[in-house]
Amino acid sequence: MRKKIVSVIGGHDCSNKVEQLAHNLGKKLVKVVDILVSGGLSGTMKAVCSGFRSGGGLTIGIIPGYNKNEANRFVDIVIPTGLGLARNVLVVKAADVVIALPGQAGTLSEIAYCLQFKIPVISLGSWEIAGIIKASSVDEAVKKTGRMLKGKNN
């Protein structure tokens, strides 16, 4: 049976409020998924990885450049791609479920890939687009993620 994987997407620059939200989300996701994937850099990505690791989870960062040292310190496995923003498709395709936090155009592109590939995407304060599942709190996002993954053998 394959491990259950969630990707969390969001801005590389974020407010303290979003950073706290991402950290809390990471801590709670450990209860329902095996591995967390992100873009591996700063902001939302760093905060969610920090939270997930604090709960004992394994993190993967799919970074845009070739230098593994560009990844934040909370990434356990760094995958350097050299693809720039094109790596966004890999961040999304690695996941069984994606959770979107606030972000800019890069986050929007990842959401579009989710919709294109029919990967469930939960918005936690991110873009509101038809086809996205809304969650109003971290607990609700985690609960919805768990439900989507229940019994899924990938």
N, C-alpha and C. Protein backbone atom coordinates (compact mmCIF):
# COMPACT_ATOMS: atom_id res chain seq x y z
N MET A 1 0.84 -1.18 0.00
CA MET A 1 0.00 0.00 0.00
C MET A 1 0.89 1.25 0.00
N ARG A 2 0.60 2.17 -0.88
CA ARG A 2 1.38 3.40 -0.98
C ARG A 2 1.05 4.36 0.16
N LYS A 3 2.01 5.21 0.45
CA LYS A 3 1.85 6.25 1.46
C LYS A 3 0.87 7.30 0.95
N LYS A 4 0.14 7.88 1.88
CA LYS A 4 -0.79 8.96 1.55
C LYS A 4 -0.02 10.28 1.57
N ILE A 5 -0.18 11.05 0.49
CA ILE A 5 0.61 12.27 0.32
C ILE A 5 -0.31 13.47 0.13
N VAL A 6 -0.01 14.52 0.86
CA VAL A 6 -0.68 15.80 0.68
C VAL A 6 0.36 16.81 0.22
N SER A 7 -0.01 17.65 -0.72
CA SER A 7 0.81 18.80 -1.08
C SER A 7 0.13 20.04 -0.52
N VAL A 8 0.92 20.91 0.07
CA VAL A 8 0.40 22.18 0.55
C VAL A 8 1.06 23.27 -0.28
N ILE A 9 0.23 24.12 -0.86
CA ILE A 9 0.72 25.19 -1.73
C ILE A 9 0.34 26.54 -1.12
N GLY A 10 1.12 27.54 -1.46
CA GLY A 10 0.87 28.88 -0.96
C GLY A 10 2.07 29.76 -1.24
N GLY A 11 1.97 30.99 -0.82
CA GLY A 11 2.97 31.98 -1.15
C GLY A 11 4.32 31.81 -0.48
N HIS A 12 5.37 32.24 -1.18
CA HIS A 12 6.70 32.22 -0.59
C HIS A 12 6.90 33.43 0.31
N ASP A 13 6.04 34.43 0.17
CA ASP A 13 5.95 35.54 1.11
C ASP A 13 4.56 35.46 1.73
N CYS A 14 4.49 35.51 3.05
CA CYS A 14 3.18 35.44 3.68
C CYS A 14 3.19 36.25 4.97
N SER A 15 2.01 36.60 5.43
CA SER A 15 1.86 37.33 6.68
C SER A 15 2.13 36.40 7.86
N ASN A 16 2.31 36.99 9.02
CA ASN A 16 2.49 36.19 10.24
C ASN A 16 1.27 35.32 10.49
N LYS A 17 0.09 35.84 10.18
CA LYS A 17 -1.15 35.08 10.38
C LYS A 17 -1.17 33.83 9.50
N VAL A 18 -0.81 33.98 8.23
CA VAL A 18 -0.80 32.83 7.31
C VAL A 18 0.32 31.87 7.70
N GLU A 19 1.46 32.40 8.13
CA GLU A 19 2.55 31.55 8.58
C GLU A 19 2.12 30.67 9.75
N GLN A 20 1.42 31.26 10.71
CA GLN A 20 0.91 30.50 11.87
C GLN A 20 -0.12 29.47 11.43
N LEU A 21 -0.99 29.86 10.50
CA LEU A 21 -2.00 28.95 9.96
C LEU A 21 -1.33 27.74 9.30
N ALA A 22 -0.30 28.01 8.49
CA ALA A 22 0.42 26.93 7.79
C ALA A 22 1.12 26.01 8.78
N HIS A 23 1.75 26.57 9.81
CA HIS A 23 2.44 25.75 10.81
C HIS A 23 1.43 24.85 11.53
N ASN A 24 0.32 25.41 11.93
CA ASN A 24 -0.73 24.65 12.62
C ASN A 24 -1.29 23.57 11.71
N LEU A 25 -1.49 23.89 10.43
CA LEU A 25 -1.98 22.90 9.47
C LEU A 25 -1.00 21.74 9.38
N GLY A 26 0.28 22.04 9.26
CA GLY A 26 1.30 20.99 9.18
C GLY A 26 1.26 20.07 10.39
N LYS A 27 1.16 20.65 11.58
CA LYS A 27 1.11 19.84 12.82
C LYS A 27 -0.07 18.88 12.82
N LYS A 28 -1.21 19.35 12.34
CA LYS A 28 -2.41 18.53 12.38
C LYS A 28 -2.51 17.53 11.23
N LEU A 29 -1.89 17.84 10.10
CA LEU A 29 -1.94 16.92 8.96
C LEU A 29 -1.24 15.60 9.24
N VAL A 30 -0.28 15.59 10.16
CA VAL A 30 0.46 14.37 10.51
C VAL A 30 -0.50 13.24 10.90
N LYS A 31 -1.66 13.61 11.42
CA LYS A 31 -2.63 12.60 11.88
C LYS A 31 -3.33 11.87 10.74
N VAL A 32 -3.33 12.47 9.52
CA VAL A 32 -4.11 11.87 8.43
C VAL A 32 -3.32 11.53 7.18
N VAL A 33 -2.08 12.03 7.06
CA VAL A 33 -1.27 11.72 5.89
C VAL A 33 0.12 11.25 6.32
N ASP A 34 0.79 10.57 5.41
CA ASP A 34 2.13 10.04 5.71
C ASP A 34 3.25 11.00 5.32
N ILE A 35 3.05 11.71 4.22
CA ILE A 35 4.11 12.56 3.66
C ILE A 35 3.52 13.89 3.23
N LEU A 36 4.28 14.95 3.48
CA LEU A 36 3.89 16.29 3.04
C LEU A 36 4.86 16.75 1.96
N VAL A 37 4.30 17.22 0.85
CA VAL A 37 5.10 17.77 -0.24
C VAL A 37 4.81 19.26 -0.33
N SER A 38 5.84 20.03 -0.63
CA SER A 38 5.66 21.46 -0.88
C SER A 38 6.72 21.89 -1.90
N GLY A 39 6.69 23.17 -2.22
CA GLY A 39 7.70 23.73 -3.10
C GLY A 39 9.04 23.91 -2.42
N GLY A 40 9.08 23.66 -1.10
CA GLY A 40 10.33 23.56 -0.35
C GLY A 40 11.06 24.84 -0.02
N LEU A 41 10.48 25.99 -0.34
CA LEU A 41 11.20 27.24 -0.11
C LEU A 41 10.72 27.94 1.16
N SER A 42 10.49 29.24 1.10
CA SER A 42 10.18 30.04 2.29
C SER A 42 8.68 30.24 2.47
N GLY A 43 8.31 31.08 3.41
CA GLY A 43 6.92 31.46 3.64
C GLY A 43 6.04 30.31 4.05
N THR A 44 4.94 30.15 3.33
CA THR A 44 3.98 29.09 3.62
C THR A 44 4.64 27.72 3.60
N MET A 45 5.52 27.50 2.64
CA MET A 45 6.17 26.20 2.48
C MET A 45 7.03 25.86 3.71
N LYS A 46 7.78 26.82 4.18
CA LYS A 46 8.63 26.62 5.34
C LYS A 46 7.79 26.37 6.59
N ALA A 47 6.75 27.17 6.76
CA ALA A 47 5.90 27.04 7.95
C ALA A 47 5.17 25.70 8.01
N VAL A 48 4.62 25.24 6.88
CA VAL A 48 3.90 23.97 6.89
C VAL A 48 4.86 22.80 7.12
N CYS A 49 6.06 22.88 6.52
CA CYS A 49 7.06 21.84 6.74
C CYS A 49 7.50 21.80 8.20
N SER A 50 7.67 22.96 8.79
CA SER A 50 8.06 23.04 10.21
C SER A 50 7.01 22.36 11.09
N GLY A 51 5.76 22.67 10.85
CA GLY A 51 4.68 22.07 11.63
C GLY A 51 4.59 20.57 11.44
N PHE A 52 4.71 20.12 10.20
CA PHE A 52 4.59 18.69 9.89
C PHE A 52 5.74 17.91 10.54
N ARG A 53 6.94 18.45 10.43
CA ARG A 53 8.10 17.78 11.05
C ARG A 53 8.01 17.78 12.57
N SER A 54 7.46 18.83 13.15
CA SER A 54 7.34 18.88 14.61
C SER A 54 6.44 17.76 15.12
N GLY A 55 5.54 17.28 14.26
CA GLY A 55 4.67 16.16 14.61
C GLY A 55 5.25 14.81 14.21
N GLY A 56 6.48 14.81 13.72
CA GLY A 56 7.13 13.55 13.35
C GLY A 56 6.94 13.13 11.92
N GLY A 57 6.39 14.01 11.08
CA GLY A 57 6.13 13.66 9.69
C GLY A 57 7.34 13.85 8.79
N LEU A 58 7.28 13.24 7.61
CA LEU A 58 8.33 13.31 6.59
C LEU A 58 7.94 14.35 5.56
N THR A 59 8.87 15.27 5.24
CA THR A 59 8.60 16.33 4.28
C THR A 59 9.47 16.19 3.04
N ILE A 60 8.87 16.54 1.90
CA ILE A 60 9.59 16.56 0.63
C ILE A 60 9.43 17.96 0.04
N GLY A 61 10.53 18.52 -0.42
CA GLY A 61 10.50 19.81 -1.09
C GLY A 61 10.92 19.66 -2.54
N ILE A 62 10.04 20.03 -3.46
CA ILE A 62 10.35 19.99 -4.88
C ILE A 62 10.70 21.42 -5.28
N ILE A 63 11.99 21.70 -5.35
CA ILE A 63 12.44 23.08 -5.51
C ILE A 63 12.68 23.45 -6.98
N PRO A 64 12.59 24.74 -7.30
CA PRO A 64 12.71 25.16 -8.70
C PRO A 64 14.13 25.13 -9.25
N GLY A 65 15.14 25.23 -8.39
CA GLY A 65 16.52 25.29 -8.85
C GLY A 65 17.24 23.96 -8.73
N TYR A 66 18.56 24.03 -8.92
CA TYR A 66 19.41 22.84 -8.84
C TYR A 66 20.11 22.68 -7.50
N ASN A 67 20.16 23.73 -6.71
CA ASN A 67 20.92 23.74 -5.47
C ASN A 67 20.05 23.28 -4.29
N LYS A 68 20.36 22.12 -3.74
CA LYS A 68 19.59 21.58 -2.62
C LYS A 68 19.58 22.52 -1.42
N ASN A 69 20.62 23.35 -1.28
CA ASN A 69 20.70 24.26 -0.14
C ASN A 69 19.67 25.38 -0.21
N GLU A 70 18.97 25.52 -1.32
CA GLU A 70 17.89 26.52 -1.43
C GLU A 70 16.66 26.11 -0.63
N ALA A 71 16.52 24.83 -0.33
CA ALA A 71 15.35 24.35 0.41
C ALA A 71 15.40 24.83 1.85
N ASN A 72 14.23 24.99 2.43
CA ASN A 72 14.19 25.39 3.84
C ASN A 72 14.65 24.23 4.73
N ARG A 73 15.05 24.56 5.92
CA ARG A 73 15.67 23.57 6.82
C ARG A 73 14.72 22.49 7.32
N PHE A 74 13.44 22.63 7.05
CA PHE A 74 12.47 21.64 7.52
C PHE A 74 12.12 20.61 6.44
N VAL A 75 12.81 20.66 5.32
CA VAL A 75 12.60 19.69 4.24
C VAL A 75 13.54 18.50 4.47
N ASP A 76 12.96 17.31 4.58
CA ASP A 76 13.76 16.09 4.77
C ASP A 76 14.38 15.60 3.47
N ILE A 77 13.58 15.60 2.42
CA ILE A 77 14.04 15.13 1.11
C ILE A 77 13.89 16.28 0.13
N VAL A 78 15.00 16.70 -0.44
CA VAL A 78 15.00 17.80 -1.40
C VAL A 78 15.10 17.22 -2.81
N ILE A 79 14.19 17.64 -3.67
CA ILE A 79 14.24 17.24 -5.07
C ILE A 79 14.50 18.50 -5.89
N PRO A 80 15.76 18.70 -6.29
CA PRO A 80 16.08 19.87 -7.11
C PRO A 80 15.71 19.58 -8.56
N THR A 81 14.96 20.49 -9.19
CA THR A 81 14.47 20.20 -10.53
C THR A 81 15.13 21.02 -11.63
N GLY A 82 15.56 22.23 -11.31
CA GLY A 82 16.06 23.12 -12.34
C GLY A 82 14.99 23.57 -13.31
N LEU A 83 13.73 23.39 -12.94
CA LEU A 83 12.60 23.68 -13.84
C LEU A 83 11.94 25.03 -13.59
N GLY A 84 12.40 25.77 -12.60
CA GLY A 84 11.73 27.03 -12.29
C GLY A 84 10.28 26.78 -11.89
N LEU A 85 9.40 27.66 -12.34
CA LEU A 85 7.98 27.52 -11.99
C LEU A 85 7.32 26.28 -12.59
N ALA A 86 7.92 25.69 -13.60
CA ALA A 86 7.36 24.48 -14.19
C ALA A 86 7.33 23.34 -13.18
N ARG A 87 8.12 23.47 -12.10
CA ARG A 87 8.10 22.43 -11.07
C ARG A 87 6.76 22.37 -10.35
N ASN A 88 5.92 23.40 -10.52
CA ASN A 88 4.61 23.42 -9.86
C ASN A 88 3.77 22.21 -10.23
N VAL A 89 3.88 21.75 -11.45
CA VAL A 89 3.11 20.58 -11.86
C VAL A 89 3.56 19.35 -11.07
N LEU A 90 4.83 19.24 -10.75
CA LEU A 90 5.34 18.11 -9.97
C LEU A 90 4.85 18.16 -8.53
N VAL A 91 4.80 19.36 -7.96
CA VAL A 91 4.31 19.52 -6.59
C VAL A 91 2.87 19.01 -6.50
N VAL A 92 2.08 19.33 -7.49
CA VAL A 92 0.67 18.94 -7.51
C VAL A 92 0.51 17.45 -7.83
N LYS A 93 1.20 16.96 -8.85
CA LYS A 93 1.05 15.56 -9.27
C LYS A 93 1.57 14.56 -8.24
N ALA A 94 2.42 15.00 -7.33
CA ALA A 94 2.92 14.11 -6.28
C ALA A 94 1.83 13.77 -5.26
N ALA A 95 0.78 14.58 -5.21
CA ALA A 95 -0.21 14.51 -4.13
C ALA A 95 -1.45 13.69 -4.46
N ASP A 96 -2.04 13.19 -3.39
CA ASP A 96 -3.38 12.60 -3.47
C ASP A 96 -4.43 13.68 -3.25
N VAL A 97 -4.09 14.66 -2.41
CA VAL A 97 -4.93 15.81 -2.11
C VAL A 97 -4.01 17.01 -1.98
N VAL A 98 -4.48 18.18 -2.43
CA VAL A 98 -3.72 19.42 -2.30
C VAL A 98 -4.50 20.39 -1.44
N ILE A 99 -3.80 21.08 -0.56
CA ILE A 99 -4.41 22.14 0.24
C ILE A 99 -3.75 23.45 -0.16
N ALA A 100 -4.58 24.43 -0.56
CA ALA A 100 -4.09 25.73 -1.01
C ALA A 100 -4.29 26.77 0.08
N LEU A 101 -3.20 27.42 0.45
CA LEU A 101 -3.23 28.56 1.36
C LEU A 101 -3.07 29.82 0.52
N PRO A 102 -3.23 31.00 1.11
CA PRO A 102 -3.10 32.22 0.32
C PRO A 102 -1.77 32.30 -0.42
N GLY A 103 -1.84 32.76 -1.65
CA GLY A 103 -0.65 32.91 -2.48
C GLY A 103 -0.98 33.74 -3.70
N GLN A 104 -0.01 33.86 -4.57
CA GLN A 104 -0.15 34.70 -5.76
C GLN A 104 -0.34 33.83 -7.01
N ALA A 105 0.24 34.24 -8.10
CA ALA A 105 0.05 33.57 -9.39
C ALA A 105 0.58 32.14 -9.38
N GLY A 106 1.69 31.87 -8.67
CA GLY A 106 2.22 30.50 -8.61
C GLY A 106 1.23 29.55 -7.96
N THR A 107 0.60 30.00 -6.89
CA THR A 107 -0.43 29.19 -6.21
C THR A 107 -1.62 28.99 -7.15
N LEU A 108 -2.00 30.04 -7.85
CA LEU A 108 -3.11 29.93 -8.79
C LEU A 108 -2.80 28.92 -9.89
N SER A 109 -1.56 28.90 -10.38
CA SER A 109 -1.19 27.93 -11.42
C SER A 109 -1.28 26.51 -10.88
N GLU A 110 -0.88 26.32 -9.63
CA GLU A 110 -0.96 24.98 -9.03
C GLU A 110 -2.41 24.54 -8.86
N ILE A 111 -3.27 25.47 -8.50
CA ILE A 111 -4.70 25.16 -8.40
C ILE A 111 -5.24 24.76 -9.78
N ALA A 112 -4.83 25.48 -10.81
CA ALA A 112 -5.27 25.15 -12.16
C ALA A 112 -4.82 23.74 -12.56
N TYR A 113 -3.59 23.38 -12.19
CA TYR A 113 -3.13 22.01 -12.48
C TYR A 113 -3.99 20.99 -11.74
N CYS A 114 -4.34 21.28 -10.50
CA CYS A 114 -5.21 20.35 -9.75
C CYS A 114 -6.52 20.13 -10.49
N LEU A 115 -7.12 21.22 -10.93
CA LEU A 115 -8.40 21.10 -11.64
C LEU A 115 -8.23 20.35 -12.96
N GLN A 116 -7.13 20.63 -13.66
CA GLN A 116 -6.85 19.96 -14.93
C GLN A 116 -6.68 18.46 -14.75
N PHE A 117 -5.95 18.06 -13.69
CA PHE A 117 -5.65 16.65 -13.45
C PHE A 117 -6.64 15.96 -12.54
N LYS A 118 -7.68 16.69 -12.13
CA LYS A 118 -8.73 16.14 -11.25
C LYS A 118 -8.16 15.66 -9.91
N ILE A 119 -7.25 16.45 -9.37
CA ILE A 119 -6.70 16.20 -8.04
C ILE A 119 -7.50 17.06 -7.07
N PRO A 120 -8.09 16.47 -6.04
CA PRO A 120 -8.87 17.28 -5.10
C PRO A 120 -8.02 18.39 -4.49
N VAL A 121 -8.58 19.61 -4.48
CA VAL A 121 -7.87 20.74 -3.90
C VAL A 121 -8.80 21.45 -2.91
N ILE A 122 -8.28 21.65 -1.72
CA ILE A 122 -9.01 22.31 -0.65
C ILE A 122 -8.43 23.70 -0.47
N SER A 123 -9.28 24.71 -0.49
CA SER A 123 -8.83 26.09 -0.28
C SER A 123 -9.03 26.47 1.17
N LEU A 124 -7.95 26.87 1.81
CA LEU A 124 -7.99 27.38 3.18
C LEU A 124 -7.56 28.85 3.11
N GLY A 125 -8.51 29.70 2.75
CA GLY A 125 -8.23 31.13 2.62
C GLY A 125 -7.55 31.50 1.32
N SER A 126 -7.55 30.59 0.36
CA SER A 126 -6.91 30.85 -0.93
C SER A 126 -7.96 31.25 -1.95
N TRP A 127 -7.62 31.10 -3.20
CA TRP A 127 -8.48 31.48 -4.31
C TRP A 127 -9.83 30.76 -4.23
N GLU A 128 -10.89 31.47 -4.61
CA GLU A 128 -12.22 30.87 -4.69
C GLU A 128 -12.56 30.66 -6.16
N ILE A 129 -12.54 29.41 -6.56
CA ILE A 129 -12.75 29.04 -7.95
C ILE A 129 -13.67 27.83 -7.98
N ALA A 130 -14.54 27.77 -8.96
CA ALA A 130 -15.42 26.61 -9.10
C ALA A 130 -14.59 25.33 -9.16
N GLY A 131 -15.02 24.32 -8.43
CA GLY A 131 -14.32 23.04 -8.41
C GLY A 131 -13.39 22.87 -7.22
N ILE A 132 -13.19 23.94 -6.47
CA ILE A 132 -12.33 23.87 -5.28
C ILE A 132 -13.21 23.65 -4.05
N ILE A 133 -12.73 22.85 -3.14
CA ILE A 133 -13.44 22.56 -1.90
C ILE A 133 -13.00 23.58 -0.86
N LYS A 134 -13.94 24.28 -0.28
CA LYS A 134 -13.60 25.30 0.71
C LYS A 134 -13.52 24.70 2.11
N ALA A 135 -12.58 25.22 2.89
CA ALA A 135 -12.48 24.89 4.31
C ALA A 135 -12.31 26.21 5.05
N SER A 136 -13.03 26.35 6.14
CA SER A 136 -12.98 27.62 6.88
C SER A 136 -12.00 27.59 8.04
N SER A 137 -11.43 26.42 8.33
CA SER A 137 -10.47 26.31 9.43
C SER A 137 -9.48 25.19 9.14
N VAL A 138 -8.40 25.20 9.90
CA VAL A 138 -7.40 24.13 9.79
C VAL A 138 -8.04 22.79 10.09
N ASP A 139 -8.81 22.72 11.16
CA ASP A 139 -9.45 21.45 11.53
C ASP A 139 -10.36 20.92 10.44
N GLU A 140 -11.11 21.83 9.80
CA GLU A 140 -12.00 21.41 8.72
C GLU A 140 -11.18 20.91 7.52
N ALA A 141 -10.09 21.59 7.19
CA ALA A 141 -9.24 21.16 6.06
C ALA A 141 -8.65 19.79 6.33
N VAL A 142 -8.19 19.56 7.56
CA VAL A 142 -7.60 18.27 7.92
C VAL A 142 -8.65 17.17 7.88
N LYS A 143 -9.82 17.47 8.39
CA LYS A 143 -10.92 16.49 8.40
C LYS A 143 -11.31 16.12 6.97
N LYS A 144 -11.43 17.11 6.10
CA LYS A 144 -11.79 16.84 4.70
C LYS A 144 -10.69 16.04 4.00
N THR A 145 -9.44 16.36 4.29
CA THR A 145 -8.32 15.61 3.71
C THR A 145 -8.39 14.15 4.14
N GLY A 146 -8.59 13.93 5.43
CA GLY A 146 -8.69 12.57 5.95
C GLY A 146 -9.81 11.78 5.31
N ARG A 147 -10.95 12.41 5.13
CA ARG A 147 -12.10 11.75 4.51
C ARG A 147 -11.79 11.35 3.06
N MET A 148 -11.14 12.27 2.33
CA MET A 148 -10.81 11.99 0.93
C MET A 148 -9.84 10.83 0.80
N LEU A 149 -8.96 10.69 1.77
CA LEU A 149 -7.92 9.65 1.70
C LEU A 149 -8.36 8.33 2.30
N LYS A 150 -9.41 8.33 3.05
CA LYS A 150 -9.86 7.12 3.74
C LYS A 150 -10.10 5.98 2.75
N GLY A 151 -9.42 4.89 2.96
CA GLY A 151 -9.59 3.71 2.13
C GLY A 151 -8.93 3.79 0.77
N LYS A 152 -8.22 4.88 0.52
CA LYS A 152 -7.56 5.04 -0.78
C LYS A 152 -6.23 4.30 -0.75
N ASN A 153 -6.05 3.35 -1.63
CA ASN A 153 -4.82 2.55 -1.68
C ASN A 153 -3.85 3.02 -2.76
N ASN A 154 -4.18 4.10 -3.42
CA ASN A 154 -3.33 4.67 -4.49
C ASN A 154 -2.77 3.59 -5.36
